[in-house]
Amino acid sequence: MADTGLVVLGAVLLIIGVLTALFCVGIPIAIVGLVLLIYGLVKEGPRPMYMYPGYAPVYVPQATALCPVCGSPLQWVPQYSRWYCQRCGAYR
């Protein structure tokens, strides 16, 4: 997939460099234009990113936690991905 901006810039610099080659300044400009032209033609575009459903990692708690307020064991609720204290009636 060519980068149109680089191709146009390279072509313009190449033409300017060739036209001003008699003044010895145009040769480096033509070389830069040629390099930009070639790079613009062979440059790859960004690759698409695909999201697959069900690929997100699921947090599974390994140990039981205690409520910081009352000290009773908390219950993990996977639906909300949060801990719940039955004594306090609140998510922690």
C-alpha atoms as a PDB file:
ATOM      1  CA  MET A   1       0.000   0.000   0.000  1.00  0.00           C
ATOM      2  CA  ALA A   2       1.691   3.198  -1.182  1.00  0.00           C
ATOM      3  CA  ASP A   3       1.894   6.329   0.926  1.00  0.00           C
ATOM      4  CA  THR A   4       0.565   8.978  -1.468  1.00  0.00           C
ATOM      5  CA  GLY A   5       2.056  11.923   0.419  1.00  0.00           C
ATOM      6  CA  LEU A   6       5.585  10.527   0.296  1.00  0.00           C
ATOM      7  CA  VAL A   7       5.244   9.574  -3.359  1.00  0.00           C
ATOM      8  CA  VAL A   8       4.129  13.093  -4.312  1.00  0.00           C
ATOM      9  CA  LEU A   9       6.829  14.751  -2.196  1.00  0.00           C
ATOM     10  CA  GLY A  10       9.475  12.444  -3.629  1.00  0.00           C
ATOM     11  CA  ALA A  11       8.340  13.122  -7.186  1.00  0.00           C
ATOM     12  CA  VAL A  12       8.337  16.902  -6.636  1.00  0.00           C
ATOM     13  CA  LEU A  13      11.820  16.849  -5.074  1.00  0.00           C
ATOM     14  CA  LEU A  14      13.094  14.605  -7.853  1.00  0.00           C
ATOM     15  CA  ILE A  15      11.800  16.979 -10.527  1.00  0.00           C
ATOM     16  CA  ILE A  16      13.200  20.044  -8.734  1.00  0.00           C
ATOM     17  CA  GLY A  17      16.523  18.281  -8.265  1.00  0.00           C
ATOM     18  CA  VAL A  18      16.775  17.321 -11.923  1.00  0.00           C
ATOM     19  CA  LEU A  19      15.866  20.837 -13.055  1.00  0.00           C
ATOM     20  CA  THR A  20      18.432  22.453 -10.744  1.00  0.00           C
ATOM     21  CA  ALA A  21      21.167  19.863 -11.301  1.00  0.00           C
ATOM     22  CA  LEU A  22      23.200  22.407 -13.245  1.00  0.00           C
ATOM     23  CA  PHE A  23      23.765  24.407 -10.055  1.00  0.00           C
ATOM     24  CA  CYS A  24      25.126  21.361  -8.106  1.00  0.00           C
ATOM     25  CA  VAL A  25      22.476  21.903  -5.447  1.00  0.00           C
ATOM     26  CA  GLY A  26      19.923  19.845  -7.292  1.00  0.00           C
ATOM     27  CA  ILE A  27      21.808  16.546  -7.158  1.00  0.00           C
ATOM     28  CA  PRO A  28      21.296  15.970  -3.382  1.00  0.00           C
ATOM     29  CA  ILE A  29      17.686  17.159  -3.726  1.00  0.00           C
ATOM     30  CA  ALA A  30      17.131  14.667  -6.561  1.00  0.00           C
ATOM     31  CA  ILE A  31      18.671  11.873  -4.489  1.00  0.00           C
ATOM     32  CA  VAL A  32      16.436  12.660  -1.494  1.00  0.00           C
ATOM     33  CA  GLY A  33      13.438  12.858  -3.829  1.00  0.00           C
ATOM     34  CA  LEU A  34      14.266   9.483  -5.351  1.00  0.00           C
ATOM     35  CA  VAL A  35      14.669   7.872  -1.911  1.00  0.00           C
ATOM     36  CA  LEU A  36      11.347   9.319  -0.696  1.00  0.00           C
ATOM     37  CA  LEU A  37       9.635   8.213  -3.897  1.00  0.00           C
ATOM     38  CA  ILE A  38      10.868   4.633  -3.543  1.00  0.00           C
ATOM     39  CA  TYR A  39      10.113   4.514   0.197  1.00  0.00           C
ATOM     40  CA  GLY A  40       6.612   5.868  -0.391  1.00  0.00           C
ATOM     41  CA  LEU A  41       5.941   3.178  -2.971  1.00  0.00           C
ATOM     42  CA  VAL A  42       7.110   0.215  -0.887  1.00  0.00           C
ATOM     43  CA  LYS A  43       5.900   1.356   2.552  1.00  0.00           C
ATOM     44  CA  GLU A  44       3.310  -0.944   4.103  1.00  0.00           C
ATOM     45  CA  GLY A  45       0.198   0.426   5.725  1.00  0.00           C
ATOM     46  CA  PRO A  46      -0.816  -0.409   9.277  1.00  0.00           C
ATOM     47  CA  ARG A  47      -2.075  -3.920   9.761  1.00  0.00           C
ATOM     48  CA  PRO A  48      -5.656  -4.290  10.965  1.00  0.00           C
ATOM     49  CA  MET A  49      -6.258  -5.307  14.561  1.00  0.00           C
ATOM     50  CA  TYR A  50      -8.964  -7.884  15.138  1.00  0.00           C
ATOM     51  CA  MET A  51     -10.766  -8.404  18.414  1.00  0.00           C
ATOM     52  CA  TYR A  52     -12.015 -11.889  19.064  1.00  0.00           C
ATOM     53  CA  PRO A  53     -14.886 -12.264  21.550  1.00  0.00           C
ATOM     54  CA  GLY A  54     -14.169 -14.253  24.654  1.00  0.00           C
ATOM     55  CA  TYR A  55     -10.434 -13.647  24.522  1.00  0.00           C
ATOM     56  CA  ALA A  56     -10.264 -11.255  27.474  1.00  0.00           C
ATOM     57  CA  PRO A  57      -8.559 -12.758  30.514  1.00  0.00           C
ATOM     58  CA  VAL A  58     -10.939 -13.449  33.364  1.00  0.00           C
ATOM     59  CA  TYR A  59      -9.786 -12.646  36.879  1.00  0.00           C
ATOM     60  CA  VAL A  60     -10.281 -15.597  39.195  1.00  0.00           C
ATOM     61  CA  PRO A  61      -9.338 -14.935  42.809  1.00  0.00           C
ATOM     62  CA  GLN A  62      -7.032 -17.539  44.300  1.00  0.00           C
ATOM     63  CA  ALA A  63      -7.633 -16.851  47.990  1.00  0.00           C
ATOM     64  CA  THR A  64     -10.434 -15.531  50.129  1.00  0.00           C
ATOM     65  CA  ALA A  65     -10.299 -11.934  51.253  1.00  0.00           C
ATOM     66  CA  LEU A  66     -11.546 -10.304  54.427  1.00  0.00           C
ATOM     67  CA  CYS A  67     -13.748  -7.232  54.605  1.00  0.00           C
ATOM     68  CA  PRO A  68     -11.680  -4.202  55.639  1.00  0.00           C
ATOM     69  CA  VAL A  69     -14.642  -2.811  57.637  1.00  0.00           C
ATOM     70  CA  CYS A  70     -16.073  -5.748  59.592  1.00  0.00           C
ATOM     71  CA  GLY A  71     -13.457  -8.490  59.046  1.00  0.00           C
ATOM     72  CA  SER A  72     -15.871 -11.133  57.727  1.00  0.00           C
ATOM     73  CA  PRO A  73     -14.966 -13.207  54.636  1.00  0.00           C
ATOM     74  CA  LEU A  74     -15.793 -11.615  51.295  1.00  0.00           C
ATOM     75  CA  GLN A  75     -17.554 -13.451  48.460  1.00  0.00           C
ATOM     76  CA  TRP A  76     -16.281 -13.049  44.894  1.00  0.00           C
ATOM     77  CA  VAL A  77     -19.023 -12.074  42.395  1.00  0.00           C
ATOM     78  CA  PRO A  78     -17.788 -12.856  38.837  1.00  0.00           C
ATOM     79  CA  GLN A  79     -20.658 -10.949  37.222  1.00  0.00           C
ATOM     80  CA  TYR A  80     -19.346  -7.655  38.650  1.00  0.00           C
ATOM     81  CA  SER A  81     -15.704  -8.713  39.074  1.00  0.00           C
ATOM     82  CA  ARG A  82     -15.813  -7.462  42.659  1.00  0.00           C
ATOM     83  CA  TRP A  83     -15.816  -8.753  46.209  1.00  0.00           C
ATOM     84  CA  TYR A  84     -19.078  -8.616  48.213  1.00  0.00           C
ATOM     85  CA  CYS A  85     -19.467  -8.503  51.982  1.00  0.00           C
ATOM     86  CA  GLN A  86     -22.718 -10.129  53.114  1.00  0.00           C
ATOM     87  CA  ARG A  87     -22.518  -8.649  56.603  1.00  0.00           C
ATOM     88  CA  CYS A  88     -22.037  -5.043  55.388  1.00  0.00           C
ATOM     89  CA  GLY A  89     -24.149  -5.535  52.231  1.00  0.00           C
ATOM     90  CA  ALA A  90     -21.578  -3.676  50.119  1.00  0.00           C
ATOM     91  CA  TYR A  91     -19.112  -4.384  47.327  1.00  0.00           C
ATOM     92  CA  ARG A  92     -15.447  -3.929  48.194  1.00  0.00           C
END
